[in-house]
Every structure is written in C-alpha cells, then in structure tokens.
C-alpha atoms as a PDB file:
ATOM      1  CA  MET A   1     153.015   0.109  36.604  1.00  0.00           C
ATOM      2  CA  ILE A   2     154.335   2.074  39.330  1.00  0.00           C
ATOM      3  CA  THR A   3     154.317   6.007  39.192  1.00  0.00           C
ATOM      4  CA  VAL A   4     157.014   8.014  40.988  1.00  0.00           C
ATOM      5  CA  ASN A   5     156.486  11.470  41.583  1.00  0.00           C
ATOM      6  CA  ALA A   6     159.896  13.266  41.467  1.00  0.00           C
ATOM      7  CA  LEU A   7     158.578  16.674  40.535  1.00  0.00           C
ATOM      8  CA  GLY A   8     160.717  19.316  42.392  1.00  0.00           C
ATOM      9  CA  ASP A   9     163.241  16.896  43.628  1.00  0.00           C
ATOM     10  CA  ALA A  10     166.867  17.482  43.220  1.00  0.00           C
ATOM     11  CA  CYS A  11     169.461  15.014  42.192  1.00  0.00           C
ATOM     12  CA  PRO A  12     170.008  12.263  43.052  1.00  0.00           C
ATOM     13  CA  LEU A  13     166.157  11.946  44.496  1.00  0.00           C
ATOM     14  CA  PRO A  14     164.576  11.059  41.095  1.00  0.00           C
ATOM     15  CA  VAL A  15     167.091   8.213  40.315  1.00  0.00           C
ATOM     16  CA  VAL A  16     166.791   6.862  44.198  1.00  0.00           C
ATOM     17  CA  LYS A  17     163.352   6.983  44.165  1.00  0.00           C
ATOM     18  CA  THR A  18     163.004   5.134  40.759  1.00  0.00           C
ATOM     19  CA  LEU A  19     165.627   2.421  41.839  1.00  0.00           C
ATOM     20  CA  ASN A  20     163.518   1.794  44.949  1.00  0.00           C
ATOM     21  CA  ALA A  21     160.186   1.452  42.749  1.00  0.00           C
ATOM     22  CA  ILE A  22     162.182  -0.914  40.613  1.00  0.00           C
ATOM     23  CA  LYS A  23     163.202  -3.116  43.383  1.00  0.00           C
ATOM     24  CA  ALA A  24     159.375  -3.255  44.410  1.00  0.00           C
ATOM     25  CA  LEU A  25     158.565  -4.893  41.179  1.00  0.00           C
ATOM     26  CA  THR A  26     157.923  -8.567  40.970  1.00  0.00           C
ATOM     27  CA  GLY A  27     157.932  -9.244  37.103  1.00  0.00           C
ATOM     28  CA  PRO A  28     158.457  -7.458  33.882  1.00  0.00           C
ATOM     29  CA  GLU A  29     156.653  -4.218  34.428  1.00  0.00           C
ATOM     30  CA  ARG A  30     157.256  -0.519  33.895  1.00  0.00           C
ATOM     31  CA  VAL A  31     157.997   2.228  36.132  1.00  0.00           C
ATOM     32  CA  GLU A  32     156.855   6.040  35.332  1.00  0.00           C
ATOM     33  CA  THR A  33     158.630   8.855  36.982  1.00  0.00           C
ATOM     34  CA  LEU A  34     157.475  12.333  36.684  1.00  0.00           C
ATOM     35  CA  VAL A  35     160.260  15.027  36.758  1.00  0.00           C
ATOM     36  CA  ASP A  36     160.407  18.673  35.781  1.00  0.00           C
ATOM     37  CA  ASN A  37     163.928  19.101  34.451  1.00  0.00           C
ATOM     38  CA  PRO A  38     166.187  17.829  31.673  1.00  0.00           C
ATOM     39  CA  THR A  39     168.990  16.725  33.983  1.00  0.00           C
ATOM     40  CA  ALA A  40     166.793  14.443  35.905  1.00  0.00           C
ATOM     41  CA  VAL A  41     165.685  12.817  32.559  1.00  0.00           C
ATOM     42  CA  GLU A  42     169.479  12.492  31.539  1.00  0.00           C
ATOM     43  CA  ASN A  43     170.139  11.005  34.975  1.00  0.00           C
ATOM     44  CA  LEU A  44     167.169   8.414  34.735  1.00  0.00           C
ATOM     45  CA  LYS A  45     168.323   7.433  30.935  1.00  0.00           C
ATOM     46  CA  ARG A  46     171.948   6.693  32.208  1.00  0.00           C
ATOM     47  CA  MET A  47     170.792   4.722  34.900  1.00  0.00           C
ATOM     48  CA  ALA A  48     168.339   2.721  32.494  1.00  0.00           C
ATOM     49  CA  GLN A  49     170.935   2.152  29.960  1.00  0.00           C
ATOM     50  CA  SER A  50     173.646   0.938  32.512  1.00  0.00           C
ATOM     51  CA  LYS A  51     171.168  -1.650  33.718  1.00  0.00           C
ATOM     52  CA  GLY A  52     169.892  -2.522  30.367  1.00  0.00           C
ATOM     53  CA  TYR A  53     166.016  -1.143  30.753  1.00  0.00           C
ATOM     54  CA  ALA A  54     164.083   0.220  28.119  1.00  0.00           C
ATOM     55  CA  PHE A  55     163.830   3.910  28.182  1.00  0.00           C
ATOM     56  CA  SER A  56     161.256   6.396  26.787  1.00  0.00           C
ATOM     57  CA  VAL A  57     160.318   9.846  27.603  1.00  0.00           C
ATOM     58  CA  GLN A  58     157.317  12.273  26.907  1.00  0.00           C
ATOM     59  CA  GLN A  59     157.043  15.879  27.451  1.00  0.00           C
ATOM     60  CA  ARG A  60     153.786  16.422  29.137  1.00  0.00           C
ATOM     61  CA  GLY A  61     154.009  20.283  29.436  1.00  0.00           C
ATOM     62  CA  THR A  62     156.016  23.358  30.162  1.00  0.00           C
ATOM     63  CA  GLY A  63     159.093  21.592  32.010  1.00  0.00           C
ATOM     64  CA  GLU A  64     157.397  18.724  33.074  1.00  0.00           C
ATOM     65  CA  TYR A  65     158.525  15.036  31.738  1.00  0.00           C
ATOM     66  CA  ARG A  66     157.068  11.478  32.142  1.00  0.00           C
ATOM     67  CA  VAL A  67     159.932   9.189  32.044  1.00  0.00           C
ATOM     68  CA  LEU A  68     158.967   5.357  31.436  1.00  0.00           C
ATOM     69  CA  ILE A  69     161.300   2.556  32.185  1.00  0.00           C
ATOM     70  CA  GLY A  70     160.652  -1.090  31.214  1.00  0.00           C
ATOM     71  CA  VAL A  71     161.873  -3.763  33.470  1.00  0.00           C
ATOM     72  CA  GLU A  72     162.160  -7.163  31.723  1.00  0.00           C
ATOM     73  CA  ARG A  73     163.043  -9.050  34.814  1.00  0.00           C
ATOM     74  CA  SER A  74     162.176  -9.296  38.550  1.00  0.00           C
ATOM     75  CA  ALA A  75     164.026  -6.315  39.934  1.00  0.00           C
ATOM     76  CA  ALA A  76     163.100  -7.359  43.591  1.00  0.00           C
ATOM     77  CA  ALA A  77     164.892 -10.677  43.261  1.00  0.00           C
ATOM     78  CA  GLU A  78     168.579 -10.402  44.912  1.00  0.00           C
ATOM     79  CA  GLU A  79     171.161 -10.504  42.160  1.00  0.00           C
ATOM     80  CA  THR A  80     173.742 -13.084  42.921  1.00  0.00           C
ATOM     81  CA  GLU A  81     177.337 -12.330  42.270  1.00  0.00           C
ATOM     82  CA  GLU A  82     179.058 -14.103  39.121  1.00  0.00           C
ATOM     83  CA  PRO A  83     181.499 -17.168  40.352  1.00  0.00           C
ATOM     84  CA  SER A  84     184.994 -16.737  39.820  1.00  0.00           C
ATOM     85  CA  ALA A  85     186.860 -19.204  37.476  1.00  0.00           C
ATOM     86  CA  CYS A  86     187.501 -21.433  40.257  1.00  0.00           C
ATOM     87  CA  GLY A  87     184.084 -21.613  41.288  1.00  0.00           C
ATOM     88  CA  LEU A  88     184.327 -19.480  44.195  1.00  0.00           C
ATOM     89  CA  THR A  89     182.200 -16.221  44.811  1.00  0.00           C
ATOM     90  CA  PRO A  90     184.399 -13.437  44.818  1.00  0.00           C
ATOM     91  CA  ARG A  91     184.503 -11.252  48.010  1.00  0.00           C
ATOM     92  CA  ARG A  92     183.230  -7.729  48.226  1.00  0.00           C
ATOM     93  CA  LYS A  93     185.950  -5.101  48.061  1.00  0.00           C
ATOM     94  CA  ARG A  94     186.566  -3.236  51.227  1.00  0.00           C
ATOM     95  CA  VAL A  95     185.679   0.415  50.186  1.00  0.00           C
ATOM     96  CA  VAL A  96     186.756   3.293  52.393  1.00  0.00           C
ATOM     97  CA  VAL A  97     185.507   7.060  51.998  1.00  0.00           C
ATOM     98  CA  ALA A  98     187.964   9.860  52.924  1.00  0.00           C
ATOM     99  CA  VAL A  99     186.287  13.090  53.496  1.00  0.00           C
ATOM    100  CA  THR A 100     188.828  15.800  53.711  1.00  0.00           C
ATOM    101  CA  ALA A 101     186.519  19.182  53.271  1.00  0.00           C
ATOM    102  CA  ASP A 102     183.122  20.382  54.083  1.00  0.00           C
ATOM    103  CA  HIS A 103     182.155  20.774  50.454  1.00  0.00           C
ATOM    104  CA  MET A 104     182.948  18.485  47.052  1.00  0.00           C
ATOM    105  CA  GLY A 105     185.078  19.570  44.335  1.00  0.00           C
ATOM    106  CA  GLU A 106     186.877  22.910  43.323  1.00  0.00           C
ATOM    107  CA  GLY A 107     185.039  26.064  42.345  1.00  0.00           C
ATOM    108  CA  ASP A 108     182.142  27.350  44.224  1.00  0.00           C
ATOM    109  CA  GLU A 109     181.907  26.307  47.890  1.00  0.00           C
ATOM    110  CA  LYS A 110     178.233  26.819  48.548  1.00  0.00           C
ATOM    111  CA  LEU A 111     177.615  24.369  45.419  1.00  0.00           C
ATOM    112  CA  GLY A 112     180.360  21.969  46.681  1.00  0.00           C
ATOM    113  CA  ARG A 113     178.558  21.552  50.105  1.00  0.00           C
ATOM    114  CA  THR A 114     175.245  20.898  48.169  1.00  0.00           C
ATOM    115  CA  LEU A 115     177.027  18.212  46.272  1.00  0.00           C
ATOM    116  CA  LEU A 116     178.762  16.792  49.222  1.00  0.00           C
ATOM    117  CA  LYS A 117     175.253  16.488  50.870  1.00  0.00           C
ATOM    118  CA  GLY A 118     174.118  14.685  47.873  1.00  0.00           C
ATOM    119  CA  PHE A 119     176.800  12.450  47.785  1.00  0.00           C
ATOM    120  CA  LEU A 120     176.588  11.009  51.280  1.00  0.00           C
ATOM    121  CA  PHE A 121     172.590  10.617  50.686  1.00  0.00           C
ATOM    122  CA  ALA A 122     173.475   8.799  47.573  1.00  0.00           C
ATOM    123  CA  LEU A 123     175.761   6.751  49.557  1.00  0.00           C
ATOM    124  CA  GLY A 124     173.309   5.419  52.029  1.00  0.00           C
ATOM    125  CA  GLN A 125     170.986   4.128  48.992  1.00  0.00           C
ATOM    126  CA  LEU A 126     173.659   1.640  47.820  1.00  0.00           C
ATOM    127  CA  GLU A 127     173.209  -1.880  48.266  1.00  0.00           C
ATOM    128  CA  GLN A 128     177.043  -2.467  48.962  1.00  0.00           C
ATOM    129  CA  LEU A 129     177.833   0.195  51.462  1.00  0.00           C
ATOM    130  CA  PRO A 130     181.371   1.490  52.466  1.00  0.00           C
ATOM    131  CA  ALA A 131     183.109  -0.205  55.433  1.00  0.00           C
ATOM    132  CA  ALA A 132     184.200   3.150  56.757  1.00  0.00           C
ATOM    133  CA  ILE A 133     183.776   7.048  56.105  1.00  0.00           C
ATOM    134  CA  LEU A 134     186.797   8.921  57.343  1.00  0.00           C
ATOM    135  CA  PHE A 135     186.424  12.808  58.117  1.00  0.00           C
ATOM    136  CA  TYR A 136     189.600  14.927  58.550  1.00  0.00           C
ATOM    137  CA  ASN A 137     190.595  18.379  58.072  1.00  0.00           C
ATOM    138  CA  GLY A 138     187.600  20.532  57.209  1.00  0.00           C
ATOM    139  CA  GLY A 139     185.611  17.376  56.545  1.00  0.00           C
ATOM    140  CA  VAL A 140     185.290  16.882  60.335  1.00  0.00           C
ATOM    141  CA  ARG A 141     182.516  19.595  60.056  1.00  0.00           C
ATOM    142  CA  LEU A 142     180.275  17.156  58.619  1.00  0.00           C
ATOM    143  CA  SER A 143     180.029  14.828  61.488  1.00  0.00           C
ATOM    144  CA  CYS A 144     179.599  17.770  64.061  1.00  0.00           C
ATOM    145  CA  GLU A 145     176.464  19.882  65.391  1.00  0.00           C
ATOM    146  CA  GLY A 146     175.085  21.716  62.749  1.00  0.00           C
ATOM    147  CA  SER A 147     175.692  19.499  59.730  1.00  0.00           C
ATOM    148  CA  GLU A 148     173.209  19.030  57.225  1.00  0.00           C
ATOM    149  CA  SER A 149     174.247  15.496  56.815  1.00  0.00           C
ATOM    150  CA  LEU A 150     174.031  14.128  60.347  1.00  0.00           C
ATOM    151  CA  GLU A 151     170.857  12.010  59.730  1.00  0.00           C
ATOM    152  CA  ASP A 152     172.243  10.601  56.601  1.00  0.00           C
ATOM    153  CA  LEU A 153     175.398   9.763  58.520  1.00  0.00           C
ATOM    154  CA  LYS A 154     173.527   8.176  61.614  1.00  0.00           C
ATOM    155  CA  ALA A 155     171.562   6.010  59.202  1.00  0.00           C
ATOM    156  CA  LEU A 156     174.741   4.777  57.677  1.00  0.00           C
ATOM    157  CA  GLU A 157     176.114   4.151  60.966  1.00  0.00           C
ATOM    158  CA  SER A 158     173.167   2.141  61.880  1.00  0.00           C
ATOM    159  CA  ARG A 159     173.752  -0.228  59.033  1.00  0.00           C
ATOM    160  CA  GLY A 160     177.323  -0.767  59.934  1.00  0.00           C
ATOM    161  CA  VAL A 161     179.410   1.826  58.351  1.00  0.00           C
ATOM    162  CA  GLU A 162     182.187   2.986  60.708  1.00  0.00           C
ATOM    163  CA  ILE A 163     182.049   6.859  60.934  1.00  0.00           C
ATOM    164  CA  LEU A 164     185.341   8.142  62.240  1.00  0.00           C
ATOM    165  CA  SER A 165     186.596  11.922  62.538  1.00  0.00           C
ATOM    166  CA  CYS A 166     190.095  12.987  63.145  1.00  0.00           C
ATOM    167  CA  GLY A 167     190.622  14.071  66.837  1.00  0.00           C
ATOM    168  CA  THR A 168     193.455  16.329  66.104  1.00  0.00           C
ATOM    169  CA  CYS A 169     191.163  18.150  63.306  1.00  0.00           C
ATOM    170  CA  LEU A 170     188.207  18.241  65.747  1.00  0.00           C
ATOM    171  CA  ASN A 171     190.581  20.104  68.380  1.00  0.00           C
ATOM    172  CA  PHE A 172     192.072  22.519  65.664  1.00  0.00           C
ATOM    173  CA  TYR A 173     188.707  23.668  64.771  1.00  0.00           C
ATOM    174  CA  GLY A 174     187.144  23.786  68.108  1.00  0.00           C
ATOM    175  CA  LEU A 175     184.682  21.028  67.550  1.00  0.00           C
ATOM    176  CA  THR A 176     185.838  18.278  69.904  1.00  0.00           C
ATOM    177  CA  GLU A 177     182.583  18.680  72.116  1.00  0.00           C
ATOM    178  CA  LYS A 178     180.458  19.152  69.046  1.00  0.00           C
ATOM    179  CA  LEU A 179     180.881  15.931  67.541  1.00  0.00           C
ATOM    180  CA  ARG A 180     177.451  14.141  66.808  1.00  0.00           C
ATOM    181  CA  VAL A 181     178.175  10.973  65.183  1.00  0.00           C
ATOM    182  CA  GLY A 182     180.782   8.177  65.039  1.00  0.00           C
ATOM    183  CA  GLY A 183     183.907   8.097  67.050  1.00  0.00           C
ATOM    184  CA  VAL A 184     187.220   9.939  67.145  1.00  0.00           C
ATOM    185  CA  THR A 185     190.333   8.677  65.609  1.00  0.00           C
ATOM    186  CA  ASN A 186     194.054   9.519  65.122  1.00  0.00           C
ATOM    187  CA  MET A 187     196.378   9.765  62.044  1.00  0.00           C
ATOM    188  CA  TYR A 188     197.840   6.128  62.804  1.00  0.00           C
ATOM    189  CA  SER A 189     194.557   4.610  62.412  1.00  0.00           C
ATOM    190  CA  ILE A 190     193.639   6.703  59.588  1.00  0.00           C
ATOM    191  CA  VAL A 191     196.700   5.559  57.745  1.00  0.00           C
ATOM    192  CA  GLU A 192     196.016   1.988  58.785  1.00  0.00           C
ATOM    193  CA  THR A 193     192.344   2.091  57.527  1.00  0.00           C
ATOM    194  CA  LEU A 194     193.275   3.763  54.290  1.00  0.00           C
ATOM    195  CA  THR A 195     196.149   1.302  53.321  1.00  0.00           C
ATOM    196  CA  GLY A 196     193.849  -1.625  54.279  1.00  0.00           C
ATOM    197  CA  ALA A 197     191.156  -0.477  51.802  1.00  0.00           C
ATOM    198  CA  ASP A 198     190.898  -2.113  48.585  1.00  0.00           C
ATOM    199  CA  LEU A 199     189.127   1.139  47.259  1.00  0.00           C
ATOM    200  CA  VAL A 200     189.339   4.597  48.706  1.00  0.00           C
ATOM    201  CA  LEU A 201     187.012   7.221  47.550  1.00  0.00           C
ATOM    202  CA  ARG A 202     187.694  10.917  47.892  1.00  0.00           C
ATOM    203  CA  PRO A 203     184.546  13.210  47.112  1.00  0.00           C
END
C-alpha cells in the first residue's frame, strides 16, 4: 500500500498526488491518502468512482480523514485507446485553451485568480495535454512577470504545449517587455488556432 500525505494541501493537489501514486502501482493494490477537509474527500471519491476503483473513508480525528482507494488492475500500465469500428485507432482531439482574463469564473476575483492558478497547474498533470494555450485581453497577465503561474506554464511549454499571448493586448496593458513565457501572436493567428481546434476550453 502506498500512503499519500495530502494534509494541508489545497485542491487539486490531493487528487493529483493520489493519481500519481496510482500510476506507480504494479498490480492490484491500495492507495491511502490522508486529507484534512471534506471537500478533498469528495473530490477523491468522484475520481475513484469515475475510474471504477473501490473507495472507503475513515475519520481519524477532528478534521482528518484516511481515504482508501483499491486499484484492481495495473495502473502503471499505459492504457490503450479503443479501436474504431474500422479497426483504426482514433486520433486524439486537438484541444486549445483560451484564457481571456487573469481570474476564472464570475464573482470574487481573488477567488477567481486562485481557481485559475489551480486550473493551469491541473492542466499540466494531464496525460493528454492541450496543443496550445492562448492568452488575450486580461489573460496576458498570466504569461508575464509577476504571474504565480509562470512555472506551471514553463513546464507545459517544455512538454510541447504552445504558449501564445496577444501582442495587441500586451501593448495595451504595458506588458510587452514583461512577457516571460511563450511567444507573441496576433488576432489572425488566434482565430486560425481557435477554428482549427477540435475543442476549445475557456476557463
């Protein structure tokens, strides 16, 4: 059994750490994750259910939980894609992420910035990465000096994800000289990239 200490970790770290532990398994085993809030427990439960894993939880003390996930197959083995009807392996979708603001969702912007930081971090934990991340309007702040997501974006870029920021937007916000990751793009290229995608995500 592998034990994952996620005490004090904010979303999505408990799930990310647990998934990494599951990948390290070589056979039918269990992963024990320690968390300290009900939200993390629910997130782990949903992840386990979505993958068909056995799930149980024990409360060990005030605000501390022990989550057990039973894996009945070798999670370290690479999953193969299902063949199509004609016997060919379907191609992977080209996914493009469009970031249009420095926060995620409507409501409190401070919370929105925390959510967007978590989104970009979680994006880097996926096995299938997006082809590109486009930053325009207020979103260009994320690729510039002072952004808390720079390391996550640099890691994504090192794995082949194209990071592009709108040049007009950088100039408008006075950030042209502060770009720290990726390249500069224009509206024609942004439109071309978006229309050429199979799926566009807008956090």
